[in-house]
Amino acid sequence: MAKRVQLVLNKDISKLGKSGDLVEVAPGYARNYLIPQKLATHATPGILKQVERRREQERQRQLELKQQAVEQKESLEKVGSLTIPKQVGENEAIFGTITAQDVADAIKAATGQEVDRRGITIPDINHLGTYQAEIKLFSEVTAQIDIQVVAS
C-alpha cells in the first residue's frame, strides 16, 4: 500500500478540509491534482509555522469580532422595545407585514447601529401588538428585542 503524503491546504476543499489544515492524502491525488492546481503545498516546517501564525491571527480576529458583538448585544438590550408604525385595517390587522428589513431600519433609527437583516428572526406579524425578535450578531451571540407594532 502506498505511503500517504502530508500537505497543507491553500484553499477550502469539500470533504477534505479548510484552508490551512494539515491533511494526509494519497500520493497520486497530491501529485496529479492538489499541487498542480495550487490547492495544496507540501508540509514543511516553515510552512507549518506560517499556517500556525495565520491561525493565531484569525483566532485573535474572531475574538475581537465576538467582543464587538457582545457590546452590540448589550446596547441593543438597553433599548428595550422598538416601535414600528404600520397602517391598520379591520380587526387590528396591518397592511402588509413586518419584515426583517423593517426591524433593521428601526434598530438603525433607535441606536444608530447597523444590523444585518439576514441575522434577524421574527415571527409572522400580521396584527398590532408586541412581538419578540431574535438578532444573531455572531455565531454564539444573539440578542432578544421587543417589537411593538402600532397604528400609524
C-alpha atoms as a PDB file:
ATOM      1  CA  MET A   1       0.000   0.000   0.000  1.00  0.00           C
ATOM      2  CA  ALA A   2       1.321   3.433  -0.936  1.00  0.00           C
ATOM      3  CA  LYS A   3       2.544   5.845   1.688  1.00  0.00           C
ATOM      4  CA  ARG A   4       0.303   8.824   2.446  1.00  0.00           C
ATOM      5  CA  VAL A   5       1.570  12.360   1.763  1.00  0.00           C
ATOM      6  CA  GLN A   6       1.148  15.271   4.176  1.00  0.00           C
ATOM      7  CA  LEU A   7       0.002  18.550   2.624  1.00  0.00           C
ATOM      8  CA  VAL A   8      -1.169  21.944   3.817  1.00  0.00           C
ATOM      9  CA  LEU A   9      -4.304  23.150   2.039  1.00  0.00           C
ATOM     10  CA  ASN A  10      -4.212  26.578   0.400  1.00  0.00           C
ATOM     11  CA  LYS A  11      -7.975  26.691  -0.241  1.00  0.00           C
ATOM     12  CA  ASP A  12     -11.074  25.098   1.263  1.00  0.00           C
ATOM     13  CA  ILE A  13     -11.827  21.734  -0.321  1.00  0.00           C
ATOM     14  CA  SER A  14     -15.099  19.997   0.442  1.00  0.00           C
ATOM     15  CA  LYS A  15     -14.755  16.613   2.144  1.00  0.00           C
ATOM     16  CA  LEU A  16     -11.038  17.252   2.724  1.00  0.00           C
ATOM     17  CA  GLY A  17     -10.561  20.326   4.873  1.00  0.00           C
ATOM     18  CA  LYS A  18     -10.318  24.070   5.198  1.00  0.00           C
ATOM     19  CA  SER A  19      -7.536  26.391   4.164  1.00  0.00           C
ATOM     20  CA  GLY A  20      -4.508  25.926   6.412  1.00  0.00           C
ATOM     21  CA  ASP A  21      -5.403  22.390   7.513  1.00  0.00           C
ATOM     22  CA  LEU A  22      -2.750  19.680   7.550  1.00  0.00           C
ATOM     23  CA  VAL A  23      -4.118  16.665   5.670  1.00  0.00           C
ATOM     24  CA  GLU A  24      -2.846  13.265   4.598  1.00  0.00           C
ATOM     25  CA  VAL A  25      -3.787  12.183   1.081  1.00  0.00           C
ATOM     26  CA  ALA A  26      -2.784   9.566  -1.453  1.00  0.00           C
ATOM     27  CA  PRO A  27       0.387  10.478  -3.372  1.00  0.00           C
ATOM     28  CA  GLY A  28      -1.379  10.367  -6.744  1.00  0.00           C
ATOM     29  CA  TYR A  29      -4.110  12.755  -5.580  1.00  0.00           C
ATOM     30  CA  ALA A  30      -1.460  15.176  -4.334  1.00  0.00           C
ATOM     31  CA  ARG A  31       0.836  14.869  -7.368  1.00  0.00           C
ATOM     32  CA  ASN A  32      -1.862  14.909 -10.068  1.00  0.00           C
ATOM     33  CA  TYR A  33      -4.493  17.270  -8.689  1.00  0.00           C
ATOM     34  CA  LEU A  34      -3.861  19.196  -5.477  1.00  0.00           C
ATOM     35  CA  ILE A  35      -0.342  20.503  -6.128  1.00  0.00           C
ATOM     36  CA  PRO A  36      -0.717  21.391  -9.864  1.00  0.00           C
ATOM     37  CA  GLN A  37      -3.993  23.225  -9.153  1.00  0.00           C
ATOM     38  CA  LYS A  38      -2.226  25.126  -6.323  1.00  0.00           C
ATOM     39  CA  LEU A  39      -4.808  23.841  -3.852  1.00  0.00           C
ATOM     40  CA  ALA A  40      -2.136  22.473  -1.501  1.00  0.00           C
ATOM     41  CA  THR A  41       1.606  22.565  -0.785  1.00  0.00           C
ATOM     42  CA  HIS A  42       3.966  20.062   0.814  1.00  0.00           C
ATOM     43  CA  ALA A  43       4.105  20.323   4.594  1.00  0.00           C
ATOM     44  CA  THR A  44       7.499  21.731   5.569  1.00  0.00           C
ATOM     45  CA  PRO A  45       8.436  23.157   8.977  1.00  0.00           C
ATOM     46  CA  GLY A  46       8.474  26.705   7.571  1.00  0.00           C
ATOM     47  CA  ILE A  47       5.025  26.379   6.024  1.00  0.00           C
ATOM     48  CA  LEU A  48       3.656  24.841   9.225  1.00  0.00           C
ATOM     49  CA  LYS A  49       4.924  27.894  11.165  1.00  0.00           C
ATOM     50  CA  GLN A  50       3.231  30.222   8.672  1.00  0.00           C
ATOM     51  CA  VAL A  51      -0.009  28.287   8.977  1.00  0.00           C
ATOM     52  CA  GLU A  52       0.170  28.427  12.770  1.00  0.00           C
ATOM     53  CA  ARG A  53       0.790  32.184  12.660  1.00  0.00           C
ATOM     54  CA  ARG A  54      -2.201  32.672  10.321  1.00  0.00           C
ATOM     55  CA  ARG A  55      -4.414  30.576  12.613  1.00  0.00           C
ATOM     56  CA  GLU A  56      -3.406  32.677  15.612  1.00  0.00           C
ATOM     57  CA  GLN A  57      -4.181  35.905  13.730  1.00  0.00           C
ATOM     58  CA  GLU A  58      -7.567  34.519  12.668  1.00  0.00           C
ATOM     59  CA  ARG A  59      -8.309  33.442  16.242  1.00  0.00           C
ATOM     60  CA  GLN A  60      -7.479  36.954  17.504  1.00  0.00           C
ATOM     61  CA  ARG A  61      -9.690  38.500  14.821  1.00  0.00           C
ATOM     62  CA  GLN A  62     -12.586  36.193  15.794  1.00  0.00           C
ATOM     63  CA  LEU A  63     -12.169  37.144  19.468  1.00  0.00           C
ATOM     64  CA  GLU A  64     -12.343  40.844  18.561  1.00  0.00           C
ATOM     65  CA  LEU A  65     -15.469  40.291  16.454  1.00  0.00           C
ATOM     66  CA  LYS A  66     -17.089  38.363  19.301  1.00  0.00           C
ATOM     67  CA  GLN A  67     -16.265  41.151  21.766  1.00  0.00           C
ATOM     68  CA  GLN A  68     -17.821  43.724  19.431  1.00  0.00           C
ATOM     69  CA  ALA A  69     -20.923  41.533  19.093  1.00  0.00           C
ATOM     70  CA  VAL A  70     -21.265  41.272  22.890  1.00  0.00           C
ATOM     71  CA  GLU A  71     -21.031  45.063  23.216  1.00  0.00           C
ATOM     72  CA  GLN A  72     -23.610  45.496  20.455  1.00  0.00           C
ATOM     73  CA  LYS A  73     -25.918  42.998  22.196  1.00  0.00           C
ATOM     74  CA  GLU A  74     -25.714  44.958  25.458  1.00  0.00           C
ATOM     75  CA  SER A  75     -26.531  48.240  23.724  1.00  0.00           C
ATOM     76  CA  LEU A  76     -29.471  46.653  21.847  1.00  0.00           C
ATOM     77  CA  GLU A  77     -30.910  45.203  25.037  1.00  0.00           C
ATOM     78  CA  LYS A  78     -30.692  48.630  26.717  1.00  0.00           C
ATOM     79  CA  VAL A  79     -33.077  49.998  24.088  1.00  0.00           C
ATOM     80  CA  GLY A  80     -35.742  47.611  25.300  1.00  0.00           C
ATOM     81  CA  SER A  81     -38.584  47.949  22.818  1.00  0.00           C
ATOM     82  CA  LEU A  82     -38.757  49.218  19.245  1.00  0.00           C
ATOM     83  CA  THR A  83     -41.906  50.813  17.884  1.00  0.00           C
ATOM     84  CA  ILE A  84     -42.834  50.239  14.253  1.00  0.00           C
ATOM     85  CA  PRO A  85     -45.852  52.164  12.901  1.00  0.00           C
ATOM     86  CA  LYS A  86     -47.984  50.459  10.221  1.00  0.00           C
ATOM     87  CA  GLN A  87     -51.285  51.174   8.510  1.00  0.00           C
ATOM     88  CA  VAL A  88     -54.159  49.272  10.076  1.00  0.00           C
ATOM     89  CA  GLY A  89     -57.290  47.769   8.573  1.00  0.00           C
ATOM     90  CA  GLU A  90     -60.171  45.858  10.159  1.00  0.00           C
ATOM     91  CA  ASN A  91     -59.683  43.839  13.364  1.00  0.00           C
ATOM     92  CA  GLU A  92     -56.294  45.500  14.012  1.00  0.00           C
ATOM     93  CA  ALA A  93     -54.811  43.700  11.003  1.00  0.00           C
ATOM     94  CA  ILE A  94     -51.930  45.566   9.411  1.00  0.00           C
ATOM     95  CA  PHE A  95     -51.482  46.124   5.715  1.00  0.00           C
ATOM     96  CA  GLY A  96     -48.542  44.027   4.558  1.00  0.00           C
ATOM     97  CA  THR A  97     -46.247  42.511   7.150  1.00  0.00           C
ATOM     98  CA  ILE A  98     -43.257  43.437   9.270  1.00  0.00           C
ATOM     99  CA  THR A  99     -40.053  42.280   7.600  1.00  0.00           C
ATOM    100  CA  ALA A 100     -36.529  41.842   8.872  1.00  0.00           C
ATOM    101  CA  GLN A 101     -35.578  44.962   6.903  1.00  0.00           C
ATOM    102  CA  ASP A 102     -38.213  46.967   8.823  1.00  0.00           C
ATOM    103  CA  VAL A 103     -36.694  45.780  12.106  1.00  0.00           C
ATOM    104  CA  ALA A 104     -33.158  46.594  10.902  1.00  0.00           C
ATOM    105  CA  ASP A 105     -34.280  50.097   9.912  1.00  0.00           C
ATOM    106  CA  ALA A 106     -35.934  50.609  13.308  1.00  0.00           C
ATOM    107  CA  ILE A 107     -32.764  49.499  15.095  1.00  0.00           C
ATOM    108  CA  LYS A 108     -30.701  51.895  12.960  1.00  0.00           C
ATOM    109  CA  ALA A 109     -33.091  54.751  13.770  1.00  0.00           C
ATOM    110  CA  ALA A 110     -33.146  53.989  17.518  1.00  0.00           C
ATOM    111  CA  THR A 111     -29.470  53.186  18.166  1.00  0.00           C
ATOM    112  CA  GLY A 112     -27.545  54.216  15.064  1.00  0.00           C
ATOM    113  CA  GLN A 113     -26.137  50.678  14.777  1.00  0.00           C
ATOM    114  CA  GLU A 114     -26.177  48.695  11.555  1.00  0.00           C
ATOM    115  CA  VAL A 115     -27.582  45.181  11.949  1.00  0.00           C
ATOM    116  CA  ASP A 116     -27.549  42.642   9.139  1.00  0.00           C
ATOM    117  CA  ARG A 117     -31.167  41.888   8.233  1.00  0.00           C
ATOM    118  CA  ARG A 118     -30.258  38.264   7.412  1.00  0.00           C
ATOM    119  CA  GLY A 119     -29.464  37.684  11.098  1.00  0.00           C
ATOM    120  CA  ILE A 120     -32.887  38.838  12.273  1.00  0.00           C
ATOM    121  CA  THR A 121     -35.532  36.208  13.030  1.00  0.00           C
ATOM    122  CA  ILE A 122     -39.070  37.448  13.585  1.00  0.00           C
ATOM    123  CA  PRO A 123     -42.414  35.669  13.868  1.00  0.00           C
ATOM    124  CA  ASP A 124     -45.181  36.292  11.332  1.00  0.00           C
ATOM    125  CA  ILE A 125     -46.527  39.706  12.254  1.00  0.00           C
ATOM    126  CA  ASN A 126     -49.937  40.492  10.771  1.00  0.00           C
ATOM    127  CA  HIS A 127     -51.682  42.276  13.664  1.00  0.00           C
ATOM    128  CA  LEU A 128     -50.955  45.060  16.119  1.00  0.00           C
ATOM    129  CA  GLY A 129     -49.211  44.029  19.316  1.00  0.00           C
ATOM    130  CA  THR A 130     -45.863  43.219  20.878  1.00  0.00           C
ATOM    131  CA  TYR A 131     -43.602  40.577  19.386  1.00  0.00           C
ATOM    132  CA  GLN A 132     -40.145  39.263  20.158  1.00  0.00           C
ATOM    133  CA  ALA A 133     -37.345  39.264  17.570  1.00  0.00           C
ATOM    134  CA  GLU A 134     -34.063  37.390  17.790  1.00  0.00           C
ATOM    135  CA  ILE A 135     -30.976  39.030  16.317  1.00  0.00           C
ATOM    136  CA  LYS A 136     -27.932  36.872  15.623  1.00  0.00           C
ATOM    137  CA  LEU A 137     -24.880  39.089  15.957  1.00  0.00           C
ATOM    138  CA  PHE A 138     -22.171  36.400  15.984  1.00  0.00           C
ATOM    139  CA  SER A 139     -22.054  32.611  15.999  1.00  0.00           C
ATOM    140  CA  GLU A 140     -22.687  32.383  19.779  1.00  0.00           C
ATOM    141  CA  VAL A 141     -24.111  35.871  20.441  1.00  0.00           C
ATOM    142  CA  THR A 142     -27.822  36.535  19.983  1.00  0.00           C
ATOM    143  CA  ALA A 143     -29.905  39.413  21.303  1.00  0.00           C
ATOM    144  CA  GLN A 144     -33.625  39.419  22.110  1.00  0.00           C
ATOM    145  CA  ILE A 145     -35.535  42.610  21.369  1.00  0.00           C
ATOM    146  CA  ASP A 146     -39.215  43.502  21.691  1.00  0.00           C
ATOM    147  CA  ILE A 147     -41.048  44.957  18.696  1.00  0.00           C
ATOM    148  CA  GLN A 148     -44.219  46.908  19.291  1.00  0.00           C
ATOM    149  CA  VAL A 149     -46.397  47.316  16.204  1.00  0.00           C
ATOM    150  CA  VAL A 150     -48.657  50.369  16.454  1.00  0.00           C
ATOM    151  CA  ALA A 151     -51.150  52.062  14.162  1.00  0.00           C
ATOM    152  CA  SER A 152     -49.733  54.955  12.139  1.00  0.00           C
END
